[in-house]
Every structure is written in structure tokens, then in C-alpha cells.
Amino acid sequence: MQAEGPAQPTPQSHGSQASALPGLDRRQQRLAALGPQRARFRELIGKVGSGEHTSTGLERNEAREAMELMLGGTLPGAQLAAFLIAHRIRRPTPPELTGMLEAYRARGPVLETPGRRPLCFSVPYDGRGRTAPLLPLLALCLASADQPVVLHGGDPMPVKYGVTLAELFAALGIEWRGLSLGEVQQRLDRHGLALTHQPDHFPAAEALVEVRDLIGKRPPVASLELLWTPHRGPHRLVSGFVHPPTEARAWEALAGIGETDILTIKGLEGSTDLPTTRAGITARVRDGEVERLLLHPRDHGISAAEVSWNGLAHWREQALEALRGEGPLAEPLLWNLGAQLFLADRFTDLPAALDQARALLLARCGERLRRELAP
């Protein structure tokens, strides 16, 4: 009986090995060619961009890693755009925002106010385009009343390219652009007011602006700008919102990063400016406890119309008038100043805070500080 020889592979099994192994090798070779950072970021893109039923999202530590890679300046624009637009469509979760905020804290500028508790306002970087902004005037008045204020912003940003905080302050004669971070800290120490400017103080984040422009939609980074502050130490974070789900998501993300004193405001155009033609919808969150506060301007004799935005030169005239307690922006400024003094626990009731706001405007305290800061 003839001995059987070794089994020969069938054509089918031989074909399976031939098709699988080369493909696997090629994939590994391609990943190696990408380099470890780009290959890793491709994995993270896959987690947020796999579709409604297969996308798993990112863990908090993965979101921080993704943001650190984006800020590192080594990723190609195609990967940055893919991640940002996929995350925009899918919507970031609170743990993802917390992780990304951790990266911003680690890489961004830092200001400090030892022994003082500032109000840290976080507003959209793409600016205002329909209503006249109040925050620069409010900040001057609050700082003049020994209530420190920390702001942050950048150059005109996609998608709106509205007027920025830096442009508004410059129209008042106060320039924040081109200062070193040390010079900004000195102003905060001396005058109780600071604004960090992203192109000068956070170039890693500024490097993402080109991609943000190309994708044409607000990416998750825009949400970070409403939750992040360069200030370290005890403070109250004041953040604007438009849609109620955004507010709840912000509370959870900020709790994850250790923010224990938060004020959210449904302000004009997503800002923190309280309207004068409807109830101001706000919420104070302290140590996880939410207190909803509705502020009705008409209950306190405030009935001014919202002031339209008509360009920087026109706004400058109105702003200077308001700092003297005059003109169409005076009553909206009074309302916002009184409300913030009340919400900052400087007064036990809103009428008393409004009385103090009137006294500050009558004494032209904000105007005096403007002149100190202007060259």
C-alpha cells in the first residue's frame, strides 16, 4: 500500500493566505510610514467618525490625547479637518469636552489673582454681528468697582467673522494685542482687568484657525472657548449659551474639570450680555447644585430696546456715552452691571445692586479706568 504524501494546500486555502497576508503587511507598512502620532490620530478619527451605529466616541483620556495631538502642530490639515468635522456632526460628549479642556489648560496661557476671585467671561470667538456688545464696558465698570475680570479672545474667527473683544477695546483706546503675557498679568495685578489674545498667547490653538476656516462650520474647539479660561485659582466662570442642551452639557463638562462656581447666561448671540427686551435666563451652579434665576428687566424699570450693531466707529461713540451714563447703551449697561454685581454675591438683592450700578455710572468709574488703560 503506497504511503500517503504530505497534504497539499487546496487552491481555495492557498488563495486565502495569499490575499490576507499581503494586505495585512501593507496596512502595517502604511501605518509605520504615517508615524506613531498620525497613525494614532487616525484611530481616534475612526472612533468619532464611524457612523451613527458604530461610532464609540472617545474616553476622557482619549479626548485629551486627541486635543494634545491637534495642538502639537505635527498633524496634516486633512486629519485635523476630518476629526473636527466628524466631531461636529456627532457632537462632543461632556467627558470628551472635559478631556479636551484638560489639554487646553495644560497648553494654554495662565493668569493668576492670588487672594482675589475674578469673574472669568467666556464668549464666542467669532464675535458679534447683530447687536451692540456690552462686555468691554461691563468689564471696565466691574474692574473699577474692585471686581477683577479675566477675558480671552482672538482675531476675527470663522464662521461669523464678527467684531472681537480686542477690536472693541482698541476702539476705546485700550490695546491688548501685541502684549506679552507678563504685561497682561501686570494689568490684571494693577487694574483688575485682563484679556489674553490667542494669536499672541496661545499660538498652538491659533494654528487650528486655518482648518476651521476651510471646514466652514463651528468645530468642538468653539465649544471649548465657551468653557475655558486662562485664569488659575478660585474664580467664577461665566459662559454664554444659545440652546438648553448646550447649557446642561457645559455644566457636566465643567464639573469634570473641577469648576465649582459657574454662571451660565442665555445671552445675546451666545454671549453673556443679558437682554433688555426679555427675561434674562441664567443659572448659578455651585458645587454641583443648580439654581435657576430669571431676571426680568421690566420689573426693575429697564425697558430699553436692544441696540443694533452698526459698525465699530458708531459703537465707539455709543460706548463712550454709556461709560458716562448716557446714550442708547447706558440702560443695557446699567442692567448688566447691576445683574452681575448681584449674581457675584456683592449684594443680597438685585435692586440694591442696581443702585450701586447707577452710582458707578454716575461717578464715571468705568470711564476713569478706560483712561488709565488707554495710552
Protein backbone atom coordinates (compact mmCIF):
# COMPACT_ATOMS: atom_id res chain seq x y z
CA MET A 1 0.00 0.00 0.00
CA GLN A 2 1.50 3.30 -1.08
CA ALA A 3 2.23 5.77 1.72
CA GLU A 4 0.35 8.99 1.60
CA GLY A 5 2.43 12.08 0.97
CA PRO A 6 2.05 15.39 2.82
CA ALA A 7 -1.29 17.08 2.33
CA GLN A 8 -1.24 19.67 -0.40
CA PRO A 9 -2.99 23.01 0.13
CA THR A 10 -6.15 23.36 -1.84
CA PRO A 11 -6.40 26.25 -4.29
CA GLN A 12 -9.01 27.85 -2.03
CA SER A 13 -6.86 27.83 1.13
CA HIS A 14 -3.78 28.93 -0.81
CA GLY A 15 -5.77 31.86 -2.20
CA SER A 16 -6.96 32.92 1.26
CA GLN A 17 -3.43 33.07 2.63
CA ALA A 18 -2.16 34.93 -0.39
CA SER A 19 -4.89 37.57 -0.18
CA ALA A 20 -4.82 38.06 3.61
CA LEU A 21 -1.18 38.29 4.46
CA PRO A 22 -0.06 40.81 1.84
CA GLY A 23 -2.96 43.08 2.75
CA LEU A 24 -2.08 42.90 6.43
CA ASP A 25 1.55 43.60 5.67
CA ARG A 26 0.66 46.57 3.52
CA ARG A 27 -1.57 48.00 6.25
CA GLN A 28 1.19 47.69 8.82
CA GLN A 29 3.69 49.21 6.44
CA ARG A 30 1.38 52.11 5.75
CA LEU A 31 0.81 52.74 9.44
CA ALA A 32 4.54 52.66 10.01
CA ALA A 33 5.01 55.15 7.20
CA LEU A 34 2.47 57.51 8.79
CA GLY A 35 4.47 57.66 12.01
CA PRO A 36 3.15 56.95 15.52
CA GLN A 37 1.33 60.25 16.04
CA ARG A 38 -0.51 60.31 12.73
CA ALA A 39 -1.31 56.61 12.97
CA ARG A 40 -2.69 57.07 16.48
CA PHE A 41 -4.74 60.09 15.44
CA ARG A 42 -6.20 58.04 12.58
CA GLU A 43 -7.50 55.60 15.18
CA LEU A 44 -9.10 58.45 17.12
CA ILE A 45 -10.73 59.79 13.94
CA GLY A 46 -12.21 56.34 13.41
CA LYS A 47 -13.78 56.37 16.86
CA VAL A 48 -15.67 59.62 16.28
CA GLY A 49 -16.33 59.22 12.54
CA SER A 50 -17.54 55.65 12.13
CA GLY A 51 -21.23 56.46 11.82
CA GLU A 52 -24.33 56.55 13.95
CA HIS A 53 -24.36 52.87 14.89
CA THR A 54 -20.65 52.04 15.09
CA SER A 55 -19.11 55.23 16.49
CA THR A 56 -17.98 54.67 20.07
CA GLY A 57 -16.84 58.18 20.87
CA LEU A 58 -13.79 58.93 22.96
CA GLU A 59 -12.98 58.32 26.57
CA ARG A 60 -11.92 61.38 28.53
CA ASN A 61 -8.22 60.48 28.31
CA GLU A 62 -8.54 59.82 24.57
CA ALA A 63 -10.18 63.21 24.02
CA ARG A 64 -7.32 64.86 25.88
CA GLU A 65 -4.84 62.91 23.77
CA ALA A 66 -6.62 63.96 20.57
CA MET A 67 -6.58 67.62 21.58
CA GLU A 68 -2.91 67.44 22.58
CA LEU A 69 -2.07 65.93 19.20
CA MET A 70 -4.02 68.70 17.44
CA LEU A 71 -2.21 71.36 19.43
CA GLY A 72 1.14 69.69 18.83
CA GLY A 73 1.44 71.04 15.29
CA THR A 74 2.54 67.75 13.68
CA LEU A 75 -0.72 66.57 12.10
CA PRO A 76 -1.60 67.27 8.46
CA GLY A 77 -4.55 69.53 7.73
CA ALA A 78 -6.54 66.65 6.22
CA GLN A 79 -6.52 64.77 9.52
CA LEU A 80 -7.38 67.88 11.53
CA ALA A 81 -10.30 68.69 9.24
CA ALA A 82 -11.55 65.09 9.27
CA PHE A 83 -11.59 64.95 13.07
CA LEU A 84 -13.15 68.38 13.57
CA ILE A 85 -15.98 67.92 11.08
CA ALA A 86 -16.70 64.35 12.23
CA HIS A 87 -16.83 65.50 15.85
CA ARG A 88 -19.03 68.44 14.85
CA ILE A 89 -21.55 66.12 13.19
CA ARG A 90 -21.51 63.61 16.02
CA ARG A 91 -21.48 66.28 18.78
CA PRO A 92 -18.93 66.00 21.61
CA THR A 93 -19.98 64.39 24.86
CA PRO A 94 -19.30 66.04 28.24
CA PRO A 95 -16.42 63.63 29.06
CA GLU A 96 -14.87 64.42 25.68
CA LEU A 97 -15.13 68.15 26.35
CA THR A 98 -13.58 67.63 29.78
CA GLY A 99 -10.62 65.82 28.27
CA MET A 100 -10.14 68.49 25.63
CA LEU A 101 -10.35 71.18 28.31
CA GLU A 102 -7.58 69.42 30.21
CA ALA A 103 -5.37 69.77 27.14
CA TYR A 104 -6.25 73.46 26.82
CA ARG A 105 -5.36 74.01 30.47
CA ALA A 106 -2.04 72.23 30.03
CA ARG A 107 -1.05 74.10 26.85
CA GLY A 108 -2.72 77.50 27.19
CA PRO A 109 -1.65 80.72 28.91
CA VAL A 110 -2.08 81.14 32.66
CA LEU A 111 -3.10 84.22 34.67
CA GLU A 112 -3.40 84.36 38.45
CA THR A 113 -5.01 86.63 41.06
CA PRO A 114 -3.78 85.47 44.48
CA GLY A 115 -6.29 86.37 47.17
CA ARG A 116 -8.82 87.74 44.66
CA ARG A 117 -11.73 85.96 42.99
CA PRO A 118 -12.31 87.25 39.44
CA LEU A 119 -15.21 86.84 37.08
CA CYS A 120 -13.92 84.92 34.06
CA PHE A 121 -16.09 85.53 30.98
CA SER A 122 -16.00 83.04 28.10
CA VAL A 123 -17.76 84.19 24.92
CA PRO A 124 -17.73 83.10 21.25
CA TYR A 125 -14.52 83.89 19.40
CA ASP A 126 -16.37 84.52 16.15
CA GLY A 127 -17.72 87.73 17.60
CA ARG A 128 -20.90 89.73 17.27
CA GLY A 129 -22.68 90.90 14.16
CA ARG A 130 -26.27 91.86 15.00
CA THR A 131 -26.35 93.52 18.43
CA ALA A 132 -24.01 96.02 20.07
CA PRO A 133 -21.69 94.27 22.57
CA LEU A 134 -21.57 95.32 26.21
CA LEU A 135 -18.86 93.11 27.70
CA PRO A 136 -15.90 95.53 27.30
CA LEU A 137 -17.91 98.27 29.03
CA LEU A 138 -19.17 95.89 31.70
CA ALA A 139 -15.63 94.66 32.35
CA LEU A 140 -14.32 98.20 32.80
CA CYS A 141 -17.11 99.05 35.24
CA LEU A 142 -16.72 95.84 37.24
CA ALA A 143 -12.95 96.21 37.48
CA SER A 144 -13.37 99.83 38.61
CA ALA A 145 -15.59 98.52 41.43
CA ASP A 146 -12.81 96.19 42.64
CA GLN A 147 -14.29 93.15 40.93
CA PRO A 148 -11.48 91.62 38.82
CA VAL A 149 -12.38 90.41 35.33
CA VAL A 150 -10.49 87.98 33.09
CA LEU A 151 -11.35 87.71 29.38
CA HIS A 152 -9.93 85.83 26.41
CA GLY A 153 -10.39 86.09 22.66
CA GLY A 154 -8.72 86.22 19.29
CA ASP A 155 -8.76 87.75 15.83
CA PRO A 156 -11.91 87.63 13.63
CA MET A 157 -12.83 83.96 13.51
CA PRO A 158 -14.84 81.72 11.21
CA VAL A 159 -17.68 81.24 10.68
CA LYS A 160 -19.17 84.61 11.53
CA TYR A 161 -16.08 86.84 11.48
CA GLY A 162 -17.89 89.22 13.82
CA VAL A 163 -16.30 92.02 15.81
CA THR A 164 -13.95 90.76 18.52
CA LEU A 165 -13.27 91.82 22.09
CA ALA A 166 -9.77 93.00 21.13
CA GLU A 167 -11.18 95.20 18.37
CA LEU A 168 -13.79 96.68 20.71
CA PHE A 169 -11.23 97.52 23.39
CA ALA A 170 -8.92 99.02 20.76
CA ALA A 171 -11.76 101.28 19.62
CA LEU A 172 -11.86 102.56 23.22
CA GLY A 173 -8.12 103.18 23.15
CA ILE A 174 -7.14 100.03 25.07
CA GLU A 175 -4.86 97.69 23.15
CA TRP A 176 -4.44 94.07 24.24
CA ARG A 177 -2.91 92.74 21.02
CA GLY A 178 0.86 92.51 20.91
CA LEU A 179 1.32 92.44 24.69
CA SER A 180 3.37 89.77 26.38
CA LEU A 181 1.58 87.53 28.86
CA GLY A 182 3.63 89.20 31.60
CA GLU A 183 2.29 92.61 30.56
CA VAL A 184 -1.27 91.27 30.64
CA GLN A 185 -0.64 89.89 34.15
CA GLN A 186 0.68 93.29 35.24
CA ARG A 187 -2.53 94.96 34.09
CA LEU A 188 -4.53 92.36 35.97
CA ASP A 189 -2.49 92.97 39.11
CA ARG A 190 -2.76 96.75 38.88
CA HIS A 191 -6.17 97.37 37.32
CA GLY A 192 -8.10 94.14 37.87
CA LEU A 193 -8.67 93.56 34.15
CA ALA A 194 -7.04 91.22 31.63
CA LEU A 195 -7.61 89.84 28.15
CA THR A 196 -5.43 87.11 26.67
CA HIS A 197 -5.23 87.23 22.87
CA GLN A 198 -4.98 83.85 21.18
CA PRO A 199 -2.52 84.80 18.39
CA ASP A 200 -0.12 86.21 20.99
CA HIS A 201 -0.64 83.90 23.94
CA PHE A 202 -1.93 80.57 22.59
CA PRO A 203 -0.29 80.03 19.17
CA ALA A 204 -0.93 76.27 19.28
CA ALA A 205 -4.70 76.91 19.26
CA GLU A 206 -4.32 79.72 16.73
CA ALA A 207 -2.72 77.24 14.30
CA LEU A 208 -6.11 75.48 14.01
CA VAL A 209 -7.86 78.57 12.64
CA GLU A 210 -6.93 77.85 9.02
CA VAL A 211 -8.59 74.43 9.19
CA ARG A 212 -11.62 75.92 10.96
CA ASP A 213 -11.94 78.35 8.09
CA LEU A 214 -11.73 75.59 5.47
CA ILE A 215 -14.41 73.35 7.02
CA GLY A 216 -16.83 76.27 7.31
CA LYS A 217 -18.60 75.10 10.48
CA ARG A 218 -18.02 75.66 14.18
CA PRO A 219 -15.99 72.66 15.41
CA PRO A 220 -15.88 71.34 19.00
CA VAL A 221 -12.97 73.71 19.63
CA ALA A 222 -15.54 76.53 19.53
CA SER A 223 -17.31 74.86 22.45
CA LEU A 224 -14.04 74.79 24.40
CA GLU A 225 -13.72 78.55 24.04
CA LEU A 226 -17.01 78.94 25.91
CA LEU A 227 -15.81 76.72 28.76
CA TRP A 228 -12.10 77.50 29.09
CA THR A 229 -10.44 80.33 30.99
CA PRO A 230 -6.74 81.19 31.25
CA HIS A 231 -7.20 82.01 34.94
CA ARG A 232 -5.93 79.60 37.58
CA GLY A 233 -7.24 79.73 41.11
CA PRO A 234 -10.63 80.46 42.67
CA HIS A 235 -12.98 82.27 40.27
CA ARG A 236 -16.47 82.29 38.84
CA LEU A 237 -16.68 81.12 35.23
CA VAL A 238 -19.36 82.99 33.25
CA SER A 239 -20.36 81.30 29.99
CA GLY A 240 -22.94 82.15 27.35
CA PHE A 241 -25.18 79.64 25.61
CA VAL A 242 -27.93 79.52 22.98
CA HIS A 243 -29.60 76.09 23.19
CA PRO A 244 -30.65 74.48 26.51
CA PRO A 245 -28.91 71.13 25.77
CA THR A 246 -25.67 73.07 25.36
CA GLU A 247 -26.05 74.52 28.85
CA ALA A 248 -26.51 71.14 30.54
CA ARG A 249 -23.58 69.70 28.60
CA ALA A 250 -21.42 72.62 29.74
CA TRP A 251 -22.31 72.04 33.41
CA GLU A 252 -21.25 68.39 33.20
CA ALA A 253 -18.04 69.08 31.29
CA LEU A 254 -17.02 71.86 33.68
CA ALA A 255 -17.77 69.72 36.72
CA GLY A 256 -15.39 67.12 35.30
CA ILE A 257 -12.59 69.68 35.08
CA GLY A 258 -13.16 70.83 38.67
CA GLU A 259 -15.05 74.09 38.10
CA THR A 260 -17.20 74.58 41.19
CA ASP A 261 -18.61 78.09 40.62
CA ILE A 262 -20.32 78.60 37.26
CA LEU A 263 -22.77 81.12 35.85
CA THR A 264 -24.44 80.33 32.53
CA ILE A 265 -26.39 83.00 30.65
CA LYS A 266 -28.67 82.77 27.63
CA GLY A 267 -27.26 86.00 26.28
CA LEU A 268 -27.37 87.94 23.05
CA GLU A 269 -25.86 85.96 20.16
CA GLY A 270 -24.50 83.34 22.51
CA SER A 271 -22.67 85.93 24.60
CA THR A 272 -23.01 86.72 28.30
CA ASP A 273 -24.82 90.03 27.61
CA LEU A 274 -28.23 89.96 29.27
CA PRO A 275 -31.05 91.19 27.01
CA THR A 276 -33.28 94.10 27.97
CA THR A 277 -36.34 93.06 25.96
CA ARG A 278 -36.96 89.68 27.58
CA ALA A 279 -36.24 87.83 30.78
CA GLY A 280 -32.62 87.04 31.38
CA ILE A 281 -32.26 83.27 31.70
CA THR A 282 -29.35 82.40 33.98
CA ALA A 283 -28.22 79.58 36.22
CA ARG A 284 -25.74 79.55 39.07
CA VAL A 285 -24.01 76.21 39.64
CA ARG A 286 -22.09 75.90 42.88
CA ASP A 287 -20.60 72.59 43.98
CA GLY A 288 -22.96 70.79 41.61
CA GLU A 289 -26.14 72.49 42.85
CA VAL A 290 -28.05 74.34 40.08
CA GLU A 291 -30.04 77.46 40.92
CA ARG A 292 -32.10 78.78 38.00
CA LEU A 293 -32.59 82.56 38.06
CA LEU A 294 -34.87 84.50 35.74
CA LEU A 295 -34.11 88.22 35.76
CA HIS A 296 -36.95 90.40 34.44
CA PRO A 297 -35.68 93.84 33.38
CA ARG A 298 -39.13 95.43 33.29
CA ASP A 299 -39.64 94.56 36.95
CA HIS A 300 -36.79 96.99 37.66
CA GLY A 301 -37.74 99.79 35.30
CA ILE A 302 -35.49 98.61 32.45
CA SER A 303 -37.26 98.89 29.11
CA ALA A 304 -34.58 99.84 26.57
CA ALA A 305 -34.58 98.17 23.17
CA GLU A 306 -31.65 96.01 22.12
CA VAL A 307 -29.14 98.21 20.30
CA SER A 308 -28.22 97.10 16.78
CA TRP A 309 -24.63 96.74 15.64
CA ASN A 310 -23.81 99.44 13.09
CA GLY A 311 -20.05 99.25 12.83
CA LEU A 312 -17.07 99.92 15.05
CA ALA A 313 -16.98 103.71 14.71
CA HIS A 314 -20.67 104.05 15.63
CA TRP A 315 -20.27 101.62 18.52
CA ARG A 316 -17.33 103.62 19.89
CA GLU A 317 -19.49 106.76 20.16
CA GLN A 318 -22.25 104.83 21.91
CA ALA A 319 -19.79 103.07 24.21
CA LEU A 320 -18.11 106.27 25.37
CA GLU A 321 -21.54 107.76 26.05
CA ALA A 322 -22.58 104.69 28.04
CA LEU A 323 -19.49 104.92 30.25
CA ARG A 324 -20.75 108.43 31.14
CA GLY A 325 -24.23 107.03 31.82
CA GLU A 326 -25.65 108.46 28.58
CA GLY A 327 -26.91 107.27 25.20
CA PRO A 328 -28.71 104.13 23.98
CA LEU A 329 -26.26 101.67 25.58
CA ALA A 330 -26.47 103.26 29.05
CA GLU A 331 -29.57 101.40 30.24
CA PRO A 332 -28.44 97.99 28.89
CA LEU A 333 -25.08 98.57 30.59
CA LEU A 334 -26.82 99.53 33.85
CA TRP A 335 -28.90 96.35 33.70
CA ASN A 336 -25.93 94.09 33.05
CA LEU A 337 -23.73 95.79 35.64
CA GLY A 338 -26.37 95.56 38.35
CA ALA A 339 -27.16 91.95 37.47
CA GLN A 340 -23.51 90.88 37.59
CA LEU A 341 -22.92 92.64 40.91
CA PHE A 342 -25.94 90.80 42.30
CA LEU A 343 -25.00 87.44 40.78
CA ALA A 344 -21.43 87.82 42.09
CA ASP A 345 -22.90 87.98 45.62
CA ARG A 346 -21.80 91.57 46.11
CA PHE A 347 -25.39 92.42 47.12
CA THR A 348 -28.18 90.39 48.64
CA ASP A 349 -30.84 91.71 46.27
CA LEU A 350 -30.96 92.99 42.72
CA PRO A 351 -32.46 96.46 43.48
CA ALA A 352 -29.52 97.28 45.76
CA ALA A 353 -27.08 96.09 43.10
CA LEU A 354 -28.78 98.29 40.50
CA ASP A 355 -28.50 101.28 42.83
CA GLN A 356 -24.77 100.64 43.09
CA ALA A 357 -24.53 100.28 39.32
CA ARG A 358 -26.19 103.68 38.87
CA ALA A 359 -23.75 105.22 41.34
CA LEU A 360 -20.77 103.72 39.47
CA LEU A 361 -22.01 105.08 36.13
CA LEU A 362 -22.82 108.47 37.64
CA ALA A 363 -19.27 108.65 39.05
CA ARG A 364 -17.90 107.57 35.65
CA CYS A 365 -15.76 104.90 37.29
CA GLY A 366 -15.53 102.79 34.15
CA GLU A 367 -14.51 105.83 32.11
CA ARG A 368 -11.75 106.64 34.56
CA LEU A 369 -10.35 103.14 34.28
CA ARG A 370 -10.56 103.35 30.49
CA ARG A 371 -8.41 106.47 30.57
CA GLU A 372 -5.89 104.77 32.85
CA LEU A 373 -5.55 101.85 30.43
CA ALA A 374 -5.56 103.94 27.24
CA PRO A 375 -2.17 105.35 26.15
